């Protein structure tokens, strides 16, 4: 688990499956009690790092697409 705010951060689990469900890539694993669980693949090392995040190297907190969407939302709210 690589997401710094996830409660299982730093833990390792055996990957059971990698699927595209509910509009996102998800990984499936067995938790400590043997129950199957799924989480977004981006919370794990099973998903490649986002190229923008790698290139930004901590210098940008927001993706350009997110900023564009925010600008559009603010523009819509002003109307």
N, C-alpha and C. Protein backbone atom coordinates (compact mmCIF):
# COMPACT_ATOMS: atom_id res chain seq x y z
N UNK A 1 0.86 -1.17 0.00
CA UNK A 1 0.00 0.00 0.00
C UNK A 1 0.91 1.22 0.00
N UNK A 2 0.78 2.07 -1.01
CA UNK A 2 1.67 3.22 -1.13
C UNK A 2 1.00 4.56 -0.86
N UNK A 3 -0.33 4.60 -0.75
CA UNK A 3 -1.02 5.87 -0.49
C UNK A 3 -0.72 6.28 0.96
N UNK A 4 -0.12 7.46 1.15
CA UNK A 4 0.34 7.83 2.49
C UNK A 4 -0.76 8.00 3.53
N UNK A 5 -2.02 8.22 3.12
CA UNK A 5 -3.09 8.42 4.09
C UNK A 5 -3.98 7.19 4.26
N UNK A 6 -3.68 6.11 3.55
CA UNK A 6 -4.47 4.90 3.70
C UNK A 6 -4.06 4.19 4.98
N UNK A 7 -5.02 3.64 5.73
CA UNK A 7 -4.68 2.97 7.00
C UNK A 7 -3.74 1.77 6.83
N UNK A 8 -3.69 1.20 5.64
CA UNK A 8 -2.80 0.05 5.41
C UNK A 8 -1.47 0.47 4.78
N UNK A 9 -1.16 1.76 4.82
CA UNK A 9 0.07 2.27 4.22
C UNK A 9 1.29 1.47 4.72
N UNK A 10 2.13 1.10 3.76
CA UNK A 10 3.36 0.37 4.08
C UNK A 10 3.20 -1.14 4.17
N UNK A 11 1.98 -1.62 4.17
CA UNK A 11 1.72 -3.07 4.26
C UNK A 11 1.84 -3.68 2.87
N UNK A 12 2.20 -4.95 2.84
CA UNK A 12 2.29 -5.67 1.57
C UNK A 12 1.26 -6.80 1.57
N UNK A 13 0.61 -6.98 0.43
CA UNK A 13 -0.39 -8.03 0.25
C UNK A 13 -0.14 -8.72 -1.08
N UNK A 14 -0.59 -9.96 -1.17
CA UNK A 14 -0.48 -10.68 -2.43
C UNK A 14 -1.60 -10.22 -3.36
N UNK A 15 -1.23 -9.85 -4.56
CA UNK A 15 -2.19 -9.38 -5.55
C UNK A 15 -2.96 -10.58 -6.11
N UNK A 16 -4.29 -10.53 -5.99
CA UNK A 16 -5.14 -11.59 -6.54
C UNK A 16 -5.59 -11.27 -7.95
N UNK A 17 -5.94 -10.01 -8.18
CA UNK A 17 -6.43 -9.61 -9.51
C UNK A 17 -6.26 -8.11 -9.68
N UNK A 18 -6.17 -7.70 -10.94
CA UNK A 18 -6.09 -6.29 -11.32
C UNK A 18 -7.16 -6.10 -12.38
N UNK A 19 -8.19 -5.30 -12.06
CA UNK A 19 -9.33 -5.15 -12.97
C UNK A 19 -9.74 -3.70 -13.13
N UNK A 20 -10.48 -3.45 -14.19
CA UNK A 20 -11.08 -2.14 -14.40
C UNK A 20 -12.55 -2.25 -14.04
N UNK A 21 -12.91 -1.75 -12.87
CA UNK A 21 -14.28 -1.80 -12.36
C UNK A 21 -14.69 -0.42 -11.89
N UNK A 22 -15.96 -0.11 -11.99
CA UNK A 22 -16.53 1.14 -11.50
C UNK A 22 -15.79 2.35 -12.05
N UNK A 23 -15.32 2.27 -13.29
CA UNK A 23 -14.67 3.40 -13.93
C UNK A 23 -13.24 3.65 -13.51
N UNK A 24 -12.64 2.72 -12.79
CA UNK A 24 -11.25 2.89 -12.37
C UNK A 24 -10.56 1.53 -12.28
N UNK A 25 -9.25 1.55 -12.28
CA UNK A 25 -8.49 0.33 -12.11
C UNK A 25 -8.43 0.00 -10.63
N UNK A 26 -8.69 -1.27 -10.31
CA UNK A 26 -8.70 -1.70 -8.90
C UNK A 26 -7.86 -2.94 -8.74
N UNK A 27 -7.30 -3.10 -7.55
CA UNK A 27 -6.56 -4.31 -7.22
C UNK A 27 -7.34 -5.08 -6.16
N UNK A 28 -7.23 -6.39 -6.24
CA UNK A 28 -7.93 -7.27 -5.30
C UNK A 28 -6.90 -8.06 -4.52
N UNK A 29 -7.13 -8.19 -3.23
CA UNK A 29 -6.21 -8.90 -2.34
C UNK A 29 -6.99 -9.46 -1.16
N UNK A 30 -6.36 -10.33 -0.39
CA UNK A 30 -6.96 -10.85 0.83
C UNK A 30 -6.40 -10.06 2.01
N UNK A 31 -7.30 -9.59 2.88
CA UNK A 31 -6.83 -8.85 4.05
C UNK A 31 -6.31 -9.82 5.12
N UNK A 32 -5.96 -9.30 6.29
CA UNK A 32 -5.38 -10.13 7.35
C UNK A 32 -6.28 -11.28 7.80
N UNK A 33 -7.60 -11.07 7.68
CA UNK A 33 -8.54 -12.11 8.10
C UNK A 33 -8.90 -13.06 6.97
N UNK A 34 -8.28 -12.88 5.81
CA UNK A 34 -8.55 -13.76 4.67
C UNK A 34 -9.73 -13.34 3.82
N UNK A 35 -10.29 -12.16 4.11
CA UNK A 35 -11.43 -11.65 3.34
C UNK A 35 -10.94 -10.92 2.09
N UNK A 36 -11.60 -11.14 0.95
CA UNK A 36 -11.19 -10.41 -0.25
C UNK A 36 -11.57 -8.93 -0.15
N UNK A 37 -10.67 -8.08 -0.60
CA UNK A 37 -10.90 -6.64 -0.60
C UNK A 37 -10.40 -6.07 -1.91
N UNK A 38 -10.91 -4.89 -2.25
CA UNK A 38 -10.41 -4.19 -3.43
C UNK A 38 -10.22 -2.73 -3.08
N UNK A 39 -9.23 -2.12 -3.71
CA UNK A 39 -8.95 -0.71 -3.53
C UNK A 39 -8.50 -0.15 -4.87
N UNK A 40 -8.53 1.16 -5.04
CA UNK A 40 -8.04 1.74 -6.29
C UNK A 40 -6.57 1.37 -6.51
N UNK A 41 -6.24 0.98 -7.72
CA UNK A 41 -4.87 0.57 -8.04
C UNK A 41 -3.88 1.70 -7.79
N UNK A 42 -4.34 2.95 -7.93
CA UNK A 42 -3.44 4.08 -7.74
C UNK A 42 -2.97 4.22 -6.29
N UNK A 43 -3.60 3.49 -5.36
CA UNK A 43 -3.15 3.51 -3.96
C UNK A 43 -2.01 2.53 -3.73
N UNK A 44 -1.62 1.79 -4.78
CA UNK A 44 -0.64 0.72 -4.62
C UNK A 44 0.52 0.88 -5.59
N UNK A 45 1.48 0.00 -5.45
CA UNK A 45 2.61 -0.02 -6.39
C UNK A 45 2.28 -0.83 -7.64
N UNK A 46 1.08 -1.39 -7.71
CA UNK A 46 0.67 -2.17 -8.88
C UNK A 46 0.35 -1.26 -10.06
N UNK A 47 0.13 0.00 -9.79
CA UNK A 47 -0.20 0.97 -10.83
C UNK A 47 1.03 1.82 -11.11
N UNK A 48 1.35 2.03 -12.38
CA UNK A 48 2.51 2.89 -12.67
C UNK A 48 2.28 4.31 -12.16
N UNK A 49 3.37 4.98 -11.79
CA UNK A 49 3.25 6.34 -11.29
C UNK A 49 2.73 7.27 -12.38
N UNK A 50 1.97 8.25 -11.96
CA UNK A 50 1.42 9.26 -12.86
C UNK A 50 2.60 10.08 -13.42
N UNK A 51 2.76 10.13 -14.74
CA UNK A 51 3.88 10.88 -15.32
C UNK A 51 3.93 12.35 -14.89
N UNK A 52 2.77 12.99 -14.74
CA UNK A 52 2.76 14.38 -14.31
C UNK A 52 3.34 14.51 -12.91
N UNK A 53 2.96 13.61 -12.01
CA UNK A 53 3.45 13.66 -10.64
C UNK A 53 4.97 13.46 -10.61
N UNK A 54 5.46 12.54 -11.43
CA UNK A 54 6.90 12.29 -11.48
C UNK A 54 7.64 13.52 -11.99
N UNK A 55 7.16 14.10 -13.09
CA UNK A 55 7.83 15.27 -13.67
C UNK A 55 7.70 16.51 -12.79
N UNK A 56 6.59 16.67 -12.12
CA UNK A 56 6.40 17.83 -11.25
C UNK A 56 7.31 17.76 -10.02
N UNK A 57 7.66 16.56 -9.60
CA UNK A 57 8.60 16.35 -8.48
C UNK A 57 8.25 17.19 -7.26
N UNK A 58 6.96 17.24 -6.92
CA UNK A 58 6.53 17.97 -5.74
C UNK A 58 6.37 19.46 -5.93
N UNK A 59 6.61 19.96 -7.12
CA UNK A 59 6.51 21.40 -7.36
C UNK A 59 5.10 21.86 -7.70
N UNK A 60 4.19 20.94 -7.93
CA UNK A 60 2.81 21.30 -8.27
C UNK A 60 1.85 20.40 -7.50
N UNK A 61 0.91 21.03 -6.84
CA UNK A 61 -0.07 20.26 -6.06
C UNK A 61 -1.27 19.82 -6.88
N UNK A 62 -1.41 20.39 -8.09
CA UNK A 62 -2.60 20.13 -8.89
C UNK A 62 -2.24 19.74 -10.31
N UNK A 63 -3.01 18.81 -10.87
CA UNK A 63 -2.88 18.47 -12.28
C UNK A 63 -3.47 19.60 -13.12
N UNK A 64 -2.90 19.88 -14.28
CA UNK A 64 -3.47 20.93 -15.14
C UNK A 64 -4.95 20.67 -15.47
N UNK A 65 -5.32 19.44 -15.72
CA UNK A 65 -6.72 19.13 -16.03
C UNK A 65 -7.63 19.49 -14.85
N UNK A 66 -7.19 19.20 -13.63
CA UNK A 66 -7.99 19.56 -12.45
C UNK A 66 -8.16 21.07 -12.34
N UNK A 67 -7.10 21.83 -12.63
CA UNK A 67 -7.19 23.29 -12.58
C UNK A 67 -8.12 23.83 -13.67
N UNK A 68 -8.09 23.19 -14.85
CA UNK A 68 -9.01 23.60 -15.91
C UNK A 68 -10.46 23.36 -15.51
N UNK A 69 -10.71 22.20 -14.90
CA UNK A 69 -12.07 21.88 -14.46
C UNK A 69 -12.52 22.84 -13.37
N UNK A 70 -11.62 23.21 -12.46
CA UNK A 70 -11.95 24.16 -11.42
C UNK A 70 -12.27 25.53 -12.03
N UNK A 71 -11.47 25.97 -12.98
CA UNK A 71 -11.71 27.25 -13.65
C UNK A 71 -13.07 27.24 -14.36
N UNK A 72 -13.39 26.14 -15.02
CA UNK A 72 -14.70 26.03 -15.69
C UNK A 72 -15.82 26.08 -14.68
N UNK A 73 -15.67 25.41 -13.55
CA UNK A 73 -16.70 25.41 -12.51
C UNK A 73 -16.90 26.81 -11.94
N UNK A 74 -15.80 27.50 -11.67
CA UNK A 74 -15.91 28.86 -11.15
C UNK A 74 -16.56 29.80 -12.15
N UNK A 75 -16.21 29.63 -13.42
CA UNK A 75 -16.82 30.45 -14.47
C UNK A 75 -18.32 30.19 -14.54
N UNK A 76 -18.70 28.93 -14.44
CA UNK A 76 -20.12 28.57 -14.47
C UNK A 76 -20.85 29.14 -13.27
N UNK A 77 -20.23 29.15 -12.13
CA UNK A 77 -20.86 29.68 -10.91
C UNK A 77 -21.06 31.20 -11.00
N UNK A 78 -20.15 31.88 -11.70
CA UNK A 78 -20.28 33.33 -11.85
C UNK A 78 -21.46 33.72 -12.73
N UNK A 79 -21.86 32.83 -13.63
CA UNK A 79 -22.98 33.13 -14.54
C UNK A 79 -24.30 33.10 -13.87
